[in-house]
Amino acid sequence: MEQKFADILDNGEQIKVCYTPSKKKLYISSFIALFFVMLFVAGFVFLTMLPEDVDAPVPDFAYIIAIAVFAVGYLLGAILVVVHAKKVVYALTDKRIIIRTGVIGVDFKCLDLKSIGATEVYVSFLDKLLGGKTGTIRFGSMSSPINGNNVPYAFANIVKPYETYKLLKEEIEKVKA
């Protein structure tokens, strides 16, 4: 797991622990969101093909095209979700948190432990429906505060979020001391 961060680690920087998101939670939440997005897109496509005359019948191809748009879009989205899920890994080092993501390439986001000013644990309704064993730990700083769901630094879909939060909080406090 640590090899996945070799390109971004500073000299002498040590990884303390790595986390991977719960695949079950990541897939379920992504597929639900993808379903509603594609339903909206297919509905929009369908509405654009309706005849201008209200009394005219709806052409059969409108249904076929809307269903095809939904199916192809959902399939492509599902493939992207699976590829993305394989690349997501979170790390805590002795200096910072690192979030590794990506679909085509690999992307890294880093936040120095010294600059973390706020942390929070968020357990969603879906997390609770799936047994309450997953959640999201969000990190904020002066330059990137925690602002609703728009948080650039978060360990999403983490198993045992409260235990993980305590460990992360201890490490943040050690570095700040």
Protein backbone atom coordinates (compact mmCIF):
# COMPACT_ATOMS: atom_id res chain seq x y z
CA MET A 1 0.00 0.00 0.00
CA GLU A 2 2.83 2.41 0.84
CA GLN A 3 4.28 2.03 -2.67
CA LYS A 4 1.23 3.89 -3.98
CA PHE A 5 2.56 7.04 -2.28
CA ALA A 6 6.27 6.63 -3.11
CA ASP A 7 6.22 9.33 -5.81
CA ILE A 8 4.87 12.02 -3.49
CA LEU A 9 6.60 11.38 -0.15
CA ASP A 10 9.27 13.83 1.01
CA ASN A 11 12.72 12.57 1.99
CA GLY A 12 12.45 10.99 5.41
CA GLU A 13 8.67 11.20 5.52
CA GLN A 14 7.10 8.07 6.97
CA ILE A 15 3.62 6.71 6.41
CA LYS A 16 2.01 5.87 9.75
CA VAL A 17 -1.18 4.27 8.44
CA CYS A 18 -3.11 3.80 5.19
CA TYR A 19 -6.86 3.55 4.78
CA THR A 20 -9.03 2.34 1.95
CA PRO A 21 -12.68 3.24 1.66
CA SER A 22 -15.42 0.67 2.16
CA LYS A 23 -16.02 -0.59 -1.37
CA LYS A 24 -19.60 -1.55 -0.51
CA LYS A 25 -20.47 1.98 0.65
CA LEU A 26 -18.57 3.63 -2.19
CA TYR A 27 -20.30 1.51 -4.84
CA ILE A 28 -23.80 1.82 -3.38
CA SER A 29 -23.63 5.60 -2.92
CA SER A 30 -22.06 6.12 -6.35
CA PHE A 31 -24.54 3.87 -8.15
CA ILE A 32 -27.51 5.54 -6.47
CA ALA A 33 -26.25 9.00 -7.44
CA LEU A 34 -25.45 7.79 -10.96
CA PHE A 35 -28.98 6.36 -11.31
CA PHE A 36 -30.61 9.71 -10.53
CA VAL A 37 -28.20 11.69 -12.73
CA MET A 38 -28.83 9.39 -15.68
CA LEU A 39 -32.58 9.43 -15.03
CA PHE A 40 -32.47 13.24 -15.25
CA VAL A 41 -30.34 13.18 -18.42
CA ALA A 42 -32.54 10.56 -20.11
CA GLY A 43 -35.66 12.51 -19.11
CA PHE A 44 -34.20 15.68 -20.57
CA VAL A 45 -33.32 13.87 -23.82
CA PHE A 46 -36.84 12.42 -23.96
CA LEU A 47 -38.46 15.84 -23.43
CA THR A 48 -36.41 17.39 -26.22
CA MET A 49 -37.81 14.81 -28.66
CA LEU A 50 -41.47 15.44 -27.88
CA PRO A 51 -43.44 16.93 -30.77
CA GLU A 52 -44.44 20.58 -30.54
CA ASP A 53 -48.06 19.71 -31.15
CA VAL A 54 -49.50 18.56 -27.82
CA ASP A 55 -52.07 16.32 -29.57
CA ALA A 56 -49.46 14.52 -31.69
CA PRO A 57 -48.40 11.06 -30.52
CA VAL A 58 -44.98 10.60 -28.94
CA PRO A 59 -42.69 8.94 -31.50
CA ASP A 60 -41.47 5.45 -30.57
CA PHE A 61 -37.83 6.42 -31.19
CA ALA A 62 -38.06 8.96 -28.34
CA TYR A 63 -38.54 6.14 -25.83
CA ILE A 64 -35.82 4.03 -27.41
CA ILE A 65 -33.28 6.85 -27.48
CA ALA A 66 -34.04 7.90 -23.89
CA ILE A 67 -33.64 4.31 -22.65
CA ALA A 68 -30.42 3.92 -24.68
CA VAL A 69 -29.01 7.18 -23.26
CA PHE A 70 -29.83 5.99 -19.74
CA ALA A 71 -28.32 2.52 -20.27
CA VAL A 72 -25.14 3.65 -22.01
CA GLY A 73 -24.59 6.53 -19.58
CA TYR A 74 -25.16 4.29 -16.57
CA LEU A 75 -22.80 1.63 -17.92
CA LEU A 76 -20.03 4.14 -18.66
CA GLY A 77 -20.54 5.79 -15.27
CA ALA A 78 -20.40 2.42 -13.52
CA ILE A 79 -17.11 1.60 -15.26
CA LEU A 80 -15.67 4.95 -14.11
CA VAL A 81 -16.83 4.28 -10.54
CA VAL A 82 -15.12 0.87 -10.49
CA VAL A 83 -11.87 2.29 -11.91
CA HIS A 84 -12.00 5.18 -9.41
CA ALA A 85 -12.64 2.83 -6.48
CA LYS A 86 -9.49 0.87 -7.25
CA LYS A 87 -7.32 4.00 -7.00
CA VAL A 88 -8.67 5.61 -3.82
CA VAL A 89 -6.32 5.30 -0.85
CA TYR A 90 -5.80 7.62 2.12
CA ALA A 91 -2.58 7.97 4.11
CA LEU A 92 -1.48 9.60 7.34
CA THR A 93 2.21 10.41 7.46
CA ASP A 94 4.29 12.03 10.16
CA LYS A 95 3.83 15.38 8.32
CA ARG A 96 0.50 15.38 6.44
CA ILE A 97 -2.57 13.59 5.21
CA ILE A 98 -2.53 12.39 1.62
CA ILE A 99 -5.57 11.55 -0.48
CA ARG A 100 -4.90 9.45 -3.59
CA THR A 101 -7.65 9.36 -6.23
CA GLY A 102 -8.08 9.34 -9.98
CA VAL A 103 -9.81 7.74 -12.91
CA ILE A 104 -7.46 8.00 -15.87
CA GLY A 105 -4.32 9.07 -14.01
CA VAL A 106 -3.49 9.31 -10.33
CA ASP A 107 -4.18 12.49 -8.40
CA PHE A 108 -2.90 13.44 -4.95
CA LYS A 109 -4.21 16.00 -2.46
CA CYS A 110 -2.10 16.80 0.59
CA LEU A 111 -2.75 18.80 3.72
CA ASP A 112 -0.05 19.45 6.30
CA LEU A 113 -0.99 18.29 9.79
CA LYS A 114 0.16 21.64 11.21
CA SER A 115 -2.36 23.52 9.07
CA ILE A 116 -5.39 21.40 9.98
CA GLY A 117 -7.65 23.61 12.05
CA ALA A 118 -10.83 21.57 12.08
CA THR A 119 -11.84 17.94 11.76
CA GLU A 120 -15.25 16.38 11.79
CA VAL A 121 -16.87 13.00 11.40
CA TYR A 122 -19.91 12.79 9.16
CA VAL A 123 -22.08 9.68 9.17
CA SER A 124 -24.79 9.95 6.51
CA PHE A 125 -28.22 8.36 6.38
CA LEU A 126 -26.89 5.82 3.87
CA ASP A 127 -24.00 5.00 6.23
CA LYS A 128 -26.54 4.26 8.95
CA LEU A 129 -28.71 2.19 6.60
CA LEU A 130 -25.69 0.05 5.79
CA GLY A 131 -25.03 -0.73 9.44
CA GLY A 132 -23.45 2.49 10.74
CA LYS A 133 -19.91 1.19 10.37
CA THR A 134 -18.77 3.73 7.77
CA GLY A 135 -18.49 7.50 7.59
CA THR A 136 -16.46 10.41 6.31
CA ILE A 137 -13.73 12.30 8.17
CA ARG A 138 -13.39 15.88 6.92
CA PHE A 139 -10.39 18.14 7.41
CA GLY A 140 -10.37 21.92 7.27
CA SER A 141 -7.72 24.61 7.33
CA MET A 142 -7.66 28.39 7.03
CA SER A 143 -7.25 28.17 3.25
CA SER A 144 -9.81 25.35 2.78
CA PRO A 145 -12.44 25.43 5.51
CA ILE A 146 -15.09 22.78 6.06
CA ASN A 147 -18.09 24.18 4.21
CA GLY A 148 -21.05 21.79 4.06
CA ASN A 149 -20.45 18.92 1.65
CA ASN A 150 -17.91 20.90 -0.39
CA VAL A 151 -14.79 19.73 1.45
CA PRO A 152 -11.62 19.23 -0.58
CA TYR A 153 -9.89 17.13 2.10
CA ALA A 154 -11.89 14.14 3.32
CA PHE A 155 -11.38 10.47 4.01
CA ALA A 156 -14.70 9.28 2.56
CA ASN A 157 -16.43 5.96 3.23
CA ILE A 158 -14.02 4.98 6.01
CA VAL A 159 -14.76 1.93 8.13
CA LYS A 160 -14.96 2.71 11.88
CA PRO A 161 -14.90 6.48 11.39
CA TYR A 162 -14.95 7.40 15.09
CA GLU A 163 -11.97 5.19 15.97
CA THR A 164 -10.09 6.48 12.93
CA TYR A 165 -10.95 10.07 13.88
CA LYS A 166 -9.48 9.61 17.38
CA LEU A 167 -6.22 8.25 15.94
CA LEU A 168 -5.96 11.06 13.39
CA LYS A 169 -6.77 13.70 16.01
CA GLU A 170 -4.02 12.36 18.30
CA GLU A 171 -1.46 12.52 15.48
CA ILE A 172 -2.53 16.06 14.53
CA GLU A 173 -2.15 17.20 18.14
CA LYS A 174 1.31 15.55 18.43
CA VAL A 175 2.56 17.46 15.40
CA LYS A 176 1.11 20.76 16.61
CA ALA A 177 2.63 20.38 20.10
